[in-house]
Every structure is written in C-alpha cells, then in structure tokens.
Amino acid sequence: MKKMIIGVYNRSVILTYVGILCAVSGIGFLVNGSDVRSAMLCLIFSGICDLFDGVIARKCKRTEMEKQFGIQIDTLADVISFLMLPIVLLQFMTGVNTVSMVLGMFYVLCGVTRLGWFNITTESNPGYFTGLPVTYTALIVPVYYIISMYTAGQIFQYPTYAVYFLIACAYVLNVRIPKPRGIWYVVFPLIAVVAVVMLVVR
C-alpha cells in the first residue's frame, strides 16, 4: 500500500528529529529575543540527542532504506544543530561584522567538509573519527560561554573568534579521535547536566 507521506517516523529517528527541533528553537530564541542562554541550552540538548540517537537506531530492526534514511537525516540534523545554530550564536555573541561573517563562512565550510568526509569513510574507520566531530561543538561552545560569564561576566570578541577558528580547523584536521564508548556515555551527559545547571542558575 502506497504511503500518504514520505520519510521515516519510527523510534529509530525520533531523537534526531527532537535534536533538530531543539536547534531550530535555539535559533528562534536568538532571533526573537537575543536569548543566548536559552540558545546554549538548546545546543546542549541537541548534542545529547545526537549522542544517543545512533545507539537507539542500532537497537532497532531497520530495513536498508531506513538505515540509509537515518544516515542522511542525521547529517542534515548535524548541519542545523552544530553548524547553523553555533554560527547564529557567534553573531549574537560578537556582533555582526566582517570578521564574524568571514569566520562563520569558514566554520560552515569546514563543518560540511567534515560531515561529507565522515559519510564516505565511516565504514572503514569503525573505532575512531577523523577530525573533530561536529557534535563536540555542543560541549565546547557552552563550556566556553559558561567560563566567560562566570569569570569575566561577559563575552569578549577575540577569544570567541579564536575558539570558533580552532573548532573549525579541528573539524578538518587529519587526526584520529576515538569514538565515545562505555563510560563516556555517562561522562558526557553528566557534563551536560552540570552545564545546564550553571546556565539556569546564572
């Protein structure tokens, strides 16, 4: 029987969709109210969704089409969550200017290059990533923001530029980074919980 709508809508992709919604909400918080703190929370939540969506998907019985759809939708989710949302955050933290615009373009180009490379090499590199995974932005940027707000009470332009530049370079750096396993699925969420608490009580 022909389906009325295209796509996959089972539990194998539900966290991916939730992560996308969190990222879009974060962009909305920025555009509608310049609410950087809420956007940071959304970025963290998107990161948690991305950390566990693959775990859930692998436990589901999926057709080959559903597996391929999951790969594609996960990449698109990464673009929205860990490339577009962080770039909008950059503009609101440092102001829209020539440096932030050029840096934003560089960041996105490095990010999509990283994602494209991952998609064609993931089968040959089962135990590690090549280059920094874009998901790690959901940890690095909020931690940087929290440290800045708790120590200096504000965000400074040039340190922020440096952080984004280094992240972008790390995306395409030809180094091996072990994939998270075992205890890291506890450590990363715990760091996220601490970050959320610090953002909320600030």
N, C-alpha and C. Protein backbone atom coordinates (compact mmCIF):
# COMPACT_ATOMS: atom_id res chain seq x y z
N MET A 1 0.84 -1.20 0.00
CA MET A 1 0.00 0.00 0.00
C MET A 1 0.88 1.25 0.00
N LYS A 2 0.55 2.18 -0.87
CA LYS A 2 1.33 3.40 -1.01
C LYS A 2 1.11 4.32 0.19
N LYS A 3 2.22 4.80 0.77
CA LYS A 3 2.12 5.70 1.93
C LYS A 3 1.69 7.09 1.48
N MET A 4 0.97 7.78 2.37
CA MET A 4 0.49 9.12 2.06
C MET A 4 1.61 10.16 2.12
N ILE A 5 2.61 9.94 3.00
CA ILE A 5 3.72 10.88 3.13
C ILE A 5 5.04 10.13 3.09
N ILE A 6 6.07 10.80 2.64
CA ILE A 6 7.38 10.18 2.56
C ILE A 6 8.12 10.34 3.89
N GLY A 7 9.19 9.58 4.05
CA GLY A 7 10.00 9.71 5.25
C GLY A 7 9.87 8.51 6.18
N VAL A 8 10.67 8.54 7.25
CA VAL A 8 10.65 7.51 8.28
C VAL A 8 10.30 8.18 9.59
N TYR A 9 9.35 7.60 10.33
CA TYR A 9 8.85 8.24 11.55
C TYR A 9 8.74 7.25 12.70
N ASN A 10 9.72 6.38 12.83
CA ASN A 10 9.69 5.44 13.95
C ASN A 10 10.74 5.83 14.99
N ARG A 11 10.89 5.01 16.02
CA ARG A 11 11.76 5.39 17.14
C ARG A 11 13.23 5.42 16.77
N SER A 12 13.59 4.86 15.61
CA SER A 12 15.00 4.88 15.21
C SER A 12 15.49 6.28 14.85
N VAL A 13 14.56 7.18 14.55
CA VAL A 13 14.96 8.54 14.17
C VAL A 13 14.34 9.62 15.07
N ILE A 14 13.60 9.21 16.09
CA ILE A 14 12.87 10.19 16.89
C ILE A 14 13.80 11.18 17.58
N LEU A 15 14.93 10.70 18.11
CA LEU A 15 15.86 11.62 18.78
C LEU A 15 16.51 12.58 17.80
N THR A 16 16.72 12.13 16.58
CA THR A 16 17.27 13.02 15.55
C THR A 16 16.31 14.17 15.29
N TYR A 17 15.02 13.86 15.18
CA TYR A 17 14.02 14.91 14.97
C TYR A 17 13.94 15.85 16.17
N VAL A 18 14.02 15.29 17.37
CA VAL A 18 13.98 16.13 18.58
C VAL A 18 15.18 17.08 18.60
N GLY A 19 16.35 16.56 18.22
CA GLY A 19 17.54 17.40 18.17
C GLY A 19 17.39 18.55 17.19
N ILE A 20 16.78 18.27 16.04
CA ILE A 20 16.54 19.33 15.06
C ILE A 20 15.61 20.39 15.64
N LEU A 21 14.55 19.95 16.30
CA LEU A 21 13.60 20.90 16.90
C LEU A 21 14.27 21.75 17.96
N CYS A 22 15.17 21.15 18.74
CA CYS A 22 15.91 21.92 19.75
C CYS A 22 16.76 22.99 19.09
N ALA A 23 17.45 22.62 18.01
CA ALA A 23 18.31 23.57 17.32
C ALA A 23 17.52 24.73 16.72
N VAL A 24 16.41 24.40 16.08
CA VAL A 24 15.56 25.45 15.49
C VAL A 24 15.01 26.35 16.59
N SER A 25 14.66 25.76 17.73
CA SER A 25 14.19 26.56 18.86
C SER A 25 15.28 27.50 19.34
N GLY A 26 16.53 27.00 19.37
CA GLY A 26 17.65 27.85 19.77
C GLY A 26 17.82 29.04 18.86
N ILE A 27 17.72 28.82 17.56
CA ILE A 27 17.80 29.92 16.61
C ILE A 27 16.66 30.90 16.83
N GLY A 28 15.47 30.36 17.13
CA GLY A 28 14.32 31.21 17.42
C GLY A 28 14.53 32.08 18.64
N PHE A 29 15.11 31.51 19.70
CA PHE A 29 15.40 32.29 20.90
C PHE A 29 16.33 33.46 20.59
N LEU A 30 17.28 33.24 19.69
CA LEU A 30 18.22 34.30 19.34
C LEU A 30 17.57 35.37 18.48
N VAL A 31 16.88 34.95 17.45
CA VAL A 31 16.30 35.89 16.50
C VAL A 31 15.18 36.71 17.14
N ASN A 32 14.38 36.07 17.97
CA ASN A 32 13.22 36.76 18.54
C ASN A 32 13.51 37.50 19.84
N GLY A 33 14.58 37.11 20.54
CA GLY A 33 14.81 37.78 21.82
C GLY A 33 16.25 37.92 22.24
N SER A 34 17.18 37.61 21.33
CA SER A 34 18.61 37.68 21.65
C SER A 34 18.94 36.90 22.92
N ASP A 35 18.25 35.78 23.12
CA ASP A 35 18.40 34.99 24.34
C ASP A 35 19.50 33.95 24.15
N VAL A 36 20.74 34.37 24.40
CA VAL A 36 21.89 33.49 24.19
C VAL A 36 21.86 32.31 25.14
N ARG A 37 21.49 32.54 26.38
CA ARG A 37 21.49 31.46 27.37
C ARG A 37 20.54 30.33 26.96
N SER A 38 19.33 30.67 26.55
CA SER A 38 18.38 29.63 26.13
C SER A 38 18.88 28.91 24.88
N ALA A 39 19.53 29.65 23.98
CA ALA A 39 20.08 29.03 22.78
C ALA A 39 21.19 28.05 23.13
N MET A 40 21.99 28.39 24.14
CA MET A 40 23.04 27.47 24.60
C MET A 40 22.42 26.19 25.16
N LEU A 41 21.34 26.33 25.90
CA LEU A 41 20.64 25.15 26.42
C LEU A 41 20.15 24.27 25.28
N CYS A 42 19.59 24.90 24.25
CA CYS A 42 19.11 24.14 23.10
C CYS A 42 20.26 23.42 22.40
N LEU A 43 21.42 24.07 22.32
CA LEU A 43 22.59 23.45 21.70
C LEU A 43 23.02 22.21 22.49
N ILE A 44 23.02 22.32 23.80
CA ILE A 44 23.37 21.17 24.65
C ILE A 44 22.38 20.03 24.45
N PHE A 45 21.09 20.34 24.44
CA PHE A 45 20.07 19.31 24.26
C PHE A 45 20.21 18.62 22.90
N SER A 46 20.53 19.41 21.87
CA SER A 46 20.76 18.82 20.55
C SER A 46 21.94 17.86 20.58
N GLY A 47 22.98 18.23 21.33
CA GLY A 47 24.14 17.36 21.45
C GLY A 47 23.82 16.05 22.13
N ILE A 48 23.01 16.11 23.18
CA ILE A 48 22.61 14.89 23.88
C ILE A 48 21.79 13.99 22.95
N CYS A 49 20.89 14.60 22.19
CA CYS A 49 20.09 13.82 21.23
C CYS A 49 21.00 13.12 20.22
N ASP A 50 22.00 13.84 19.73
CA ASP A 50 22.90 13.26 18.74
C ASP A 50 23.77 12.16 19.34
N LEU A 51 24.12 12.30 20.61
CA LEU A 51 24.94 11.29 21.27
C LEU A 51 24.23 9.95 21.35
N PHE A 52 22.92 9.99 21.56
CA PHE A 52 22.19 8.74 21.80
C PHE A 52 21.33 8.28 20.62
N ASP A 53 21.15 9.12 19.59
CA ASP A 53 20.25 8.68 18.51
C ASP A 53 20.81 7.47 17.77
N GLY A 54 22.13 7.43 17.60
CA GLY A 54 22.73 6.27 16.94
C GLY A 54 22.61 5.01 17.77
N VAL A 55 22.74 5.15 19.08
CA VAL A 55 22.60 4.00 19.99
C VAL A 55 21.21 3.39 19.86
N ILE A 56 20.21 4.25 19.87
CA ILE A 56 18.83 3.78 19.75
C ILE A 56 18.58 3.17 18.38
N ALA A 57 19.08 3.85 17.33
CA ALA A 57 18.85 3.37 15.97
C ALA A 57 19.43 1.97 15.76
N ARG A 58 20.62 1.74 16.30
CA ARG A 58 21.26 0.44 16.11
C ARG A 58 20.52 -0.70 16.83
N LYS A 59 19.71 -0.36 17.81
CA LYS A 59 18.94 -1.38 18.53
C LYS A 59 17.61 -1.67 17.86
N CYS A 60 17.28 -0.89 16.84
CA CYS A 60 16.01 -1.08 16.14
C CYS A 60 16.22 -1.99 14.92
N LYS A 61 15.20 -2.77 14.62
CA LYS A 61 15.22 -3.55 13.40
C LYS A 61 14.81 -2.63 12.25
N ARG A 62 15.75 -2.40 11.33
CA ARG A 62 15.50 -1.45 10.26
C ARG A 62 15.75 -2.09 8.90
N THR A 63 15.00 -1.63 7.91
CA THR A 63 15.26 -2.02 6.54
C THR A 63 16.49 -1.25 6.05
N GLU A 64 17.03 -1.67 4.93
CA GLU A 64 18.19 -0.96 4.37
C GLU A 64 17.83 0.49 4.03
N MET A 65 16.61 0.68 3.54
CA MET A 65 16.16 2.04 3.24
C MET A 65 16.10 2.89 4.49
N GLU A 66 15.62 2.33 5.59
CA GLU A 66 15.54 3.07 6.84
C GLU A 66 16.93 3.40 7.37
N LYS A 67 17.89 2.49 7.18
CA LYS A 67 19.26 2.77 7.60
C LYS A 67 19.84 3.93 6.80
N GLN A 68 19.65 3.90 5.49
CA GLN A 68 20.17 4.97 4.64
C GLN A 68 19.49 6.30 4.95
N PHE A 69 18.20 6.25 5.20
CA PHE A 69 17.48 7.48 5.57
C PHE A 69 18.03 8.03 6.87
N GLY A 70 18.31 7.15 7.83
CA GLY A 70 18.85 7.59 9.11
C GLY A 70 20.18 8.29 8.96
N ILE A 71 21.04 7.78 8.07
CA ILE A 71 22.34 8.41 7.82
C ILE A 71 22.16 9.81 7.25
N GLN A 72 21.27 9.92 6.27
CA GLN A 72 21.06 11.22 5.62
C GLN A 72 20.43 12.24 6.57
N ILE A 73 19.42 11.83 7.31
CA ILE A 73 18.73 12.78 8.19
C ILE A 73 19.64 13.18 9.35
N ASP A 74 20.52 12.28 9.77
CA ASP A 74 21.45 12.61 10.84
C ASP A 74 22.44 13.68 10.38
N THR A 75 22.91 13.56 9.14
CA THR A 75 23.82 14.57 8.60
C THR A 75 23.14 15.92 8.50
N LEU A 76 21.92 15.93 8.01
CA LEU A 76 21.17 17.19 7.90
C LEU A 76 20.92 17.80 9.27
N ALA A 77 20.63 16.94 10.25
CA ALA A 77 20.43 17.42 11.62
C ALA A 77 21.71 18.04 12.16
N ASP A 78 22.86 17.43 11.84
CA ASP A 78 24.14 17.98 12.29
C ASP A 78 24.39 19.36 11.71
N VAL A 79 24.03 19.55 10.45
CA VAL A 79 24.21 20.86 9.81
C VAL A 79 23.42 21.93 10.55
N ILE A 80 22.17 21.62 10.87
CA ILE A 80 21.32 22.59 11.56
C ILE A 80 21.78 22.80 13.00
N SER A 81 22.05 21.72 13.70
CA SER A 81 22.32 21.79 15.14
C SER A 81 23.71 22.31 15.47
N PHE A 82 24.73 21.85 14.73
CA PHE A 82 26.11 22.11 15.14
C PHE A 82 26.89 23.00 14.19
N LEU A 83 26.22 23.42 13.11
CA LEU A 83 26.84 24.40 12.22
C LEU A 83 26.02 25.69 12.19
N MET A 84 24.73 25.59 11.89
CA MET A 84 23.92 26.80 11.76
C MET A 84 23.65 27.47 13.11
N LEU A 85 23.20 26.69 14.10
CA LEU A 85 22.93 27.29 15.41
C LEU A 85 24.18 27.92 16.01
N PRO A 86 25.34 27.26 16.01
CA PRO A 86 26.54 27.92 16.55
C PRO A 86 26.92 29.19 15.81
N ILE A 87 26.69 29.23 14.49
CA ILE A 87 27.03 30.43 13.74
C ILE A 87 26.10 31.59 14.10
N VAL A 88 24.82 31.31 14.29
CA VAL A 88 23.91 32.37 14.74
C VAL A 88 24.32 32.82 16.14
N LEU A 89 24.71 31.87 16.98
CA LEU A 89 25.22 32.23 18.31
C LEU A 89 26.44 33.14 18.21
N LEU A 90 27.34 32.83 17.30
CA LEU A 90 28.53 33.65 17.11
C LEU A 90 28.16 35.09 16.79
N GLN A 91 27.19 35.27 15.91
CA GLN A 91 26.80 36.63 15.52
C GLN A 91 26.22 37.40 16.71
N PHE A 92 25.47 36.71 17.56
CA PHE A 92 24.87 37.39 18.71
C PHE A 92 25.87 37.61 19.83
N MET A 93 26.89 36.76 19.94
CA MET A 93 27.88 36.94 20.99
C MET A 93 28.91 38.01 20.65
N THR A 94 29.22 38.16 19.35
CA THR A 94 30.28 39.09 18.96
C THR A 94 29.78 40.27 18.14
N GLY A 95 28.54 40.19 17.67
CA GLY A 95 28.02 41.22 16.80
C GLY A 95 28.26 40.86 15.34
N VAL A 96 27.37 41.31 14.47
CA VAL A 96 27.51 41.04 13.04
C VAL A 96 28.52 42.02 12.46
N ASN A 97 29.64 41.51 12.01
CA ASN A 97 30.68 42.34 11.42
C ASN A 97 31.45 41.51 10.41
N THR A 98 32.42 42.13 9.76
CA THR A 98 33.15 41.43 8.71
C THR A 98 33.86 40.18 9.23
N VAL A 99 34.49 40.30 10.39
CA VAL A 99 35.22 39.16 10.95
C VAL A 99 34.28 38.01 11.27
N SER A 100 33.17 38.30 11.93
CA SER A 100 32.24 37.23 12.31
C SER A 100 31.60 36.58 11.09
N MET A 101 31.36 37.38 10.04
CA MET A 101 30.77 36.81 8.83
C MET A 101 31.76 35.90 8.10
N VAL A 102 32.99 36.37 7.94
CA VAL A 102 34.01 35.55 7.27
C VAL A 102 34.31 34.30 8.08
N LEU A 103 34.43 34.46 9.39
CA LEU A 103 34.68 33.31 10.26
C LEU A 103 33.53 32.32 10.20
N GLY A 104 32.31 32.84 10.14
CA GLY A 104 31.14 31.98 10.03
C GLY A 104 31.16 31.15 8.76
N MET A 105 31.54 31.77 7.65
CA MET A 105 31.63 31.04 6.38
C MET A 105 32.71 29.97 6.45
N PHE A 106 33.85 30.32 7.03
CA PHE A 106 34.95 29.36 7.18
C PHE A 106 34.52 28.19 8.06
N TYR A 107 33.84 28.50 9.15
CA TYR A 107 33.38 27.47 10.09
C TYR A 107 32.42 26.50 9.40
N VAL A 108 31.47 27.03 8.65
CA VAL A 108 30.49 26.17 7.98
C VAL A 108 31.15 25.31 6.91
N LEU A 109 32.06 25.90 6.14
CA LEU A 109 32.74 25.12 5.10
C LEU A 109 33.54 23.97 5.70
N CYS A 110 34.24 24.24 6.79
CA CYS A 110 34.99 23.17 7.46
C CYS A 110 34.03 22.12 8.02
N GLY A 111 32.91 22.56 8.55
CA GLY A 111 31.94 21.65 9.13
C GLY A 111 31.31 20.72 8.11
N VAL A 112 30.88 21.26 6.98
CA VAL A 112 30.25 20.41 5.96
C VAL A 112 31.28 19.49 5.32
N THR A 113 32.53 19.96 5.21
CA THR A 113 33.60 19.10 4.71
C THR A 113 33.80 17.91 5.65
N ARG A 114 33.80 18.19 6.94
CA ARG A 114 33.94 17.13 7.95
C ARG A 114 32.80 16.12 7.85
N LEU A 115 31.58 16.61 7.69
CA LEU A 115 30.42 15.72 7.60
C LEU A 115 30.46 14.88 6.33
N GLY A 116 30.82 15.50 5.22
CA GLY A 116 30.91 14.76 3.96
C GLY A 116 31.98 13.68 4.02
N TRP A 117 33.11 14.02 4.62
CA TRP A 117 34.20 13.05 4.75
C TRP A 117 33.80 11.89 5.66
N PHE A 118 33.11 12.22 6.73
CA PHE A 118 32.64 11.17 7.64
C PHE A 118 31.71 10.20 6.92
N ASN A 119 30.82 10.72 6.09
CA ASN A 119 29.84 9.86 5.43
C ASN A 119 30.48 8.86 4.47
N ILE A 120 31.63 9.22 3.89
CA ILE A 120 32.25 8.30 2.92
C ILE A 120 33.35 7.44 3.55
N THR A 121 33.72 7.72 4.80
CA THR A 121 34.81 6.95 5.42
C THR A 121 34.39 6.21 6.68
N THR A 122 33.16 6.39 7.13
CA THR A 122 32.75 5.83 8.42
C THR A 122 32.86 4.31 8.46
N GLU A 123 32.59 3.65 7.34
CA GLU A 123 32.65 2.18 7.33
C GLU A 123 34.08 1.66 7.48
N SER A 124 35.06 2.43 6.96
CA SER A 124 36.45 1.98 7.02
C SER A 124 37.13 2.37 8.32
N ASN A 125 36.49 3.24 9.11
CA ASN A 125 37.07 3.69 10.38
C ASN A 125 36.09 3.42 11.52
N PRO A 126 35.88 2.15 11.87
CA PRO A 126 34.83 1.82 12.85
C PRO A 126 35.13 2.26 14.27
N GLY A 127 36.41 2.45 14.62
CA GLY A 127 36.74 2.72 16.02
C GLY A 127 37.10 4.15 16.34
N TYR A 128 37.19 4.98 15.31
CA TYR A 128 37.61 6.36 15.57
C TYR A 128 37.04 7.32 14.52
N PHE A 129 37.04 8.60 14.87
CA PHE A 129 36.69 9.66 13.94
C PHE A 129 37.97 10.25 13.36
N THR A 130 37.90 10.77 12.16
CA THR A 130 38.99 11.55 11.59
C THR A 130 38.56 13.01 11.62
N GLY A 131 39.25 13.81 12.42
CA GLY A 131 38.82 15.19 12.63
C GLY A 131 37.83 15.26 13.77
N LEU A 132 37.68 16.45 14.33
CA LEU A 132 36.77 16.64 15.45
C LEU A 132 35.32 16.49 15.00
N PRO A 133 34.53 15.62 15.62
CA PRO A 133 33.11 15.51 15.28
C PRO A 133 32.38 16.83 15.55
N VAL A 134 31.49 17.22 14.66
CA VAL A 134 30.79 18.50 14.84
C VAL A 134 29.95 18.50 16.10
N THR A 135 29.54 17.33 16.55
CA THR A 135 28.72 17.23 17.77
C THR A 135 29.44 17.81 18.99
N TYR A 136 30.77 17.74 19.00
CA TYR A 136 31.52 18.22 20.16
C TYR A 136 31.35 19.73 20.37
N THR A 137 30.88 20.42 19.34
CA THR A 137 30.59 21.84 19.47
C THR A 137 29.53 22.08 20.54
N ALA A 138 28.63 21.11 20.71
CA ALA A 138 27.56 21.22 21.71
C ALA A 138 28.12 21.19 23.12
N LEU A 139 29.36 20.79 23.27
CA LEU A 139 30.03 20.80 24.57
C LEU A 139 31.00 21.98 24.68
N ILE A 140 31.79 22.20 23.63
CA ILE A 140 32.85 23.21 23.68
C ILE A 140 32.29 24.63 23.79
N VAL A 141 31.34 24.98 22.94
CA VAL A 141 30.83 26.36 22.93
C VAL A 141 30.10 26.72 24.23
N PRO A 142 29.19 25.87 24.73
CA PRO A 142 28.56 26.21 26.02
C PRO A 142 29.55 26.30 27.18
N VAL A 143 30.54 25.40 27.22
CA VAL A 143 31.53 25.45 28.30
C VAL A 143 32.33 26.74 28.22
N TYR A 144 32.71 27.13 27.01
CA TYR A 144 33.41 28.41 26.83
C TYR A 144 32.55 29.58 27.30
N TYR A 145 31.27 29.55 26.93
CA TYR A 145 30.35 30.63 27.33
C TYR A 145 30.21 30.69 28.84
N ILE A 146 30.05 29.53 29.47
CA ILE A 146 29.89 29.48 30.94
C ILE A 146 31.14 30.00 31.64
N ILE A 147 32.31 29.56 31.19
CA ILE A 147 33.56 30.03 31.80
C ILE A 147 33.69 31.55 31.66
N SER A 148 33.37 32.06 30.49
CA SER A 148 33.46 33.51 30.25
C SER A 148 32.51 34.28 31.15
N MET A 149 31.28 33.81 31.27
CA MET A 149 30.28 34.53 32.06
C MET A 149 30.58 34.47 33.55
N TYR A 150 31.10 33.34 34.01
CA TYR A 150 31.38 33.19 35.44
C TYR A 150 32.68 33.87 35.86
N THR A 151 33.62 34.03 34.94
CA THR A 151 34.90 34.65 35.28
C THR A 151 34.95 36.13 34.96
N ALA A 152 34.49 36.48 33.75
CA ALA A 152 34.58 37.88 33.32
C ALA A 152 33.23 38.58 33.31
N GLY A 153 32.15 37.81 33.34
CA GLY A 153 30.82 38.41 33.31
C GLY A 153 30.38 38.87 31.94
N GLN A 154 31.17 38.57 30.92
CA GLN A 154 30.82 38.97 29.57
C GLN A 154 31.59 38.13 28.56
N ILE A 155 31.19 38.27 27.29
CA ILE A 155 31.87 37.56 26.20
C ILE A 155 32.74 38.56 25.45
N PHE A 156 34.00 38.21 25.27
CA PHE A 156 34.91 39.07 24.53
C PHE A 156 35.03 38.59 23.09
N GLN A 157 35.11 39.54 22.16
CA GLN A 157 35.11 39.20 20.75
C GLN A 157 36.25 38.28 20.35
N TYR A 158 37.47 38.69 20.59
CA TYR A 158 38.61 37.97 20.01
C TYR A 158 38.82 36.58 20.59
N PRO A 159 38.63 36.37 21.89
CA PRO A 159 38.68 34.98 22.37
C PRO A 159 37.60 34.10 21.73
N THR A 160 36.42 34.69 21.50
CA THR A 160 35.34 33.94 20.85
C THR A 160 35.71 33.59 19.42
N TYR A 161 36.28 34.55 18.70
CA TYR A 161 36.75 34.27 17.35
C TYR A 161 37.77 33.13 17.36
N ALA A 162 38.68 33.17 18.33
CA ALA A 162 39.74 32.15 18.42
C ALA A 162 39.15 30.77 18.66
N VAL A 163 38.16 30.68 19.55
CA VAL A 163 37.52 29.40 19.85
C VAL A 163 36.87 28.83 18.60
N TYR A 164 36.11 29.65 17.88
CA TYR A 164 35.44 29.18 16.67
C TYR A 164 36.44 28.80 15.58
N PHE A 165 37.50 29.58 15.45
CA PHE A 165 38.51 29.28 14.44
C PHE A 165 39.19 27.94 14.73
N LEU A 166 39.52 27.70 15.99
CA LEU A 166 40.17 26.45 16.37
C LEU A 166 39.24 25.26 16.18
N ILE A 167 37.95 25.44 16.52
CA ILE A 167 36.98 24.36 16.30
C ILE A 167 36.90 24.02 14.82
N ALA A 168 36.80 25.06 13.97
CA ALA A 168 36.69 24.85 12.53
C ALA A 168 37.91 24.11 11.99
N CYS A 169 39.10 24.52 12.42
CA CYS A 169 40.32 23.85 11.98
C CYS A 169 40.35 22.40 12.45
N ALA A 170 39.87 22.16 13.66
CA ALA A 170 39.86 20.80 14.21
C ALA A 170 38.92 19.89 13.43
N TYR A 171 37.86 20.46 12.83
CA TYR A 171 36.94 19.66 12.03
C TYR A 171 37.68 18.95 10.89
N VAL A 172 38.61 19.64 10.26
CA VAL A 172 39.25 19.10 9.06
C VAL A 172 40.69 18.64 9.31
N LEU A 173 41.12 18.67 10.56
CA LEU A 173 42.47 18.20 10.89
C LEU A 173 42.53 16.68 10.77
N ASN A 174 43.54 16.18 10.10
CA ASN A 174 43.66 14.74 9.86
C ASN A 174 44.26 14.04 11.08
N VAL A 175 43.48 13.98 12.14
CA VAL A 175 43.88 13.29 13.36
C VAL A 175 42.77 12.32 13.76
N ARG A 176 43.17 11.26 14.44
CA ARG A 176 42.20 10.25 14.88
C ARG A 176 41.69 10.59 16.27
N ILE A 177 40.38 10.59 16.42
CA ILE A 177 39.75 10.82 17.72
C ILE A 177 38.89 9.60 18.03
N PRO A 178 39.19 8.89 19.11
CA PRO A 178 38.41 7.68 19.44
C PRO A 178 36.92 7.99 19.58
N LYS A 179 36.11 7.08 19.09
CA LYS A 179 34.67 7.24 19.25
C LYS A 179 34.28 6.99 20.71
N PRO A 180 33.31 7.74 21.22
CA PRO A 180 32.90 7.54 22.62
C PRO A 180 32.31 6.16 22.83
N ARG A 181 32.74 5.52 23.91
CA ARG A 181 32.23 4.20 24.25
C ARG A 181 32.08 4.09 25.76
N GLY A 182 31.27 3.16 26.19
CA GLY A 182 31.16 2.83 27.60
C GLY A 182 30.94 4.02 28.51
N ILE A 183 31.93 4.30 29.35
CA ILE A 183 31.81 5.32 30.40
C ILE A 183 31.55 6.70 29.84
N TRP A 184 31.97 6.96 28.60
CA TRP A 184 31.77 8.28 28.01
C TRP A 184 30.29 8.60 27.80
N TYR A 185 29.46 7.56 27.69
CA TYR A 185 28.03 7.80 27.58
C TYR A 185 27.42 8.19 28.92
N VAL A 186 28.23 8.15 29.95
CA VAL A 186 27.84 8.68 31.26
C VAL A 186 28.50 10.02 31.51
N VAL A 187 29.78 10.12 31.13
CA VAL A 187 30.55 11.35 31.38
C VAL A 187 29.96 12.53 30.62
N PHE A 188 29.71 12.36 29.33
CA PHE A 188 29.20 13.47 28.53
C PHE A 188 27.85 13.99 29.03
N PRO A 189 26.88 13.11 29.32
CA PRO A 189 25.63 13.61 29.88
C PRO A 189 25.81 14.31 31.23
N LEU A 190 26.73 13.81 32.07
CA LEU A 190 26.97 14.47 33.35
C LEU A 190 27.52 15.88 33.16
N ILE A 191 28.45 16.02 32.21
CA ILE A 191 28.97 17.36 31.89
C ILE A 191 27.84 18.25 31.40
N ALA A 192 26.96 17.67 30.58
CA ALA A 192 25.82 18.43 30.06
C ALA A 192 24.90 18.88 31.19
N VAL A 193 24.64 18.00 32.15
CA VAL A 193 23.78 18.35 33.29
C VAL A 193 24.39 19.50 34.09
N VAL A 194 25.70 19.42 34.35
CA VAL A 194 26.38 20.49 35.08
C VAL A 194 26.28 21.80 34.31
N ALA A 195 26.50 21.74 33.00
CA ALA A 195 26.43 22.94 32.18
C ALA A 195 25.02 23.54 32.20
N VAL A 196 24.02 22.68 32.10
CA VAL A 196 22.63 23.16 32.13
C VAL A 196 22.33 23.86 33.46
N VAL A 197 22.74 23.24 34.55
CA VAL A 197 22.51 23.84 35.87
C VAL A 197 23.19 25.20 35.98
N MET A 198 24.42 25.28 35.52
CA MET A 198 25.16 26.54 35.60
C MET A 198 24.54 27.62 34.73
N LEU A 199 23.98 27.23 33.60
CA LEU A 199 23.30 28.19 32.74
C LEU A 199 21.99 28.66 33.35
N VAL A 200 21.27 27.74 33.97
CA VAL A 200 19.96 28.07 34.53
C VAL A 200 20.08 28.97 35.76
N VAL A 201 21.06 28.69 36.62
CA VAL A 201 21.17 29.44 37.88
C VAL A 201 21.93 30.75 37.71
N ARG A 202 22.58 30.93 36.55
CA ARG A 202 23.35 32.15 36.33
C ARG A 202 22.45 33.37 36.33
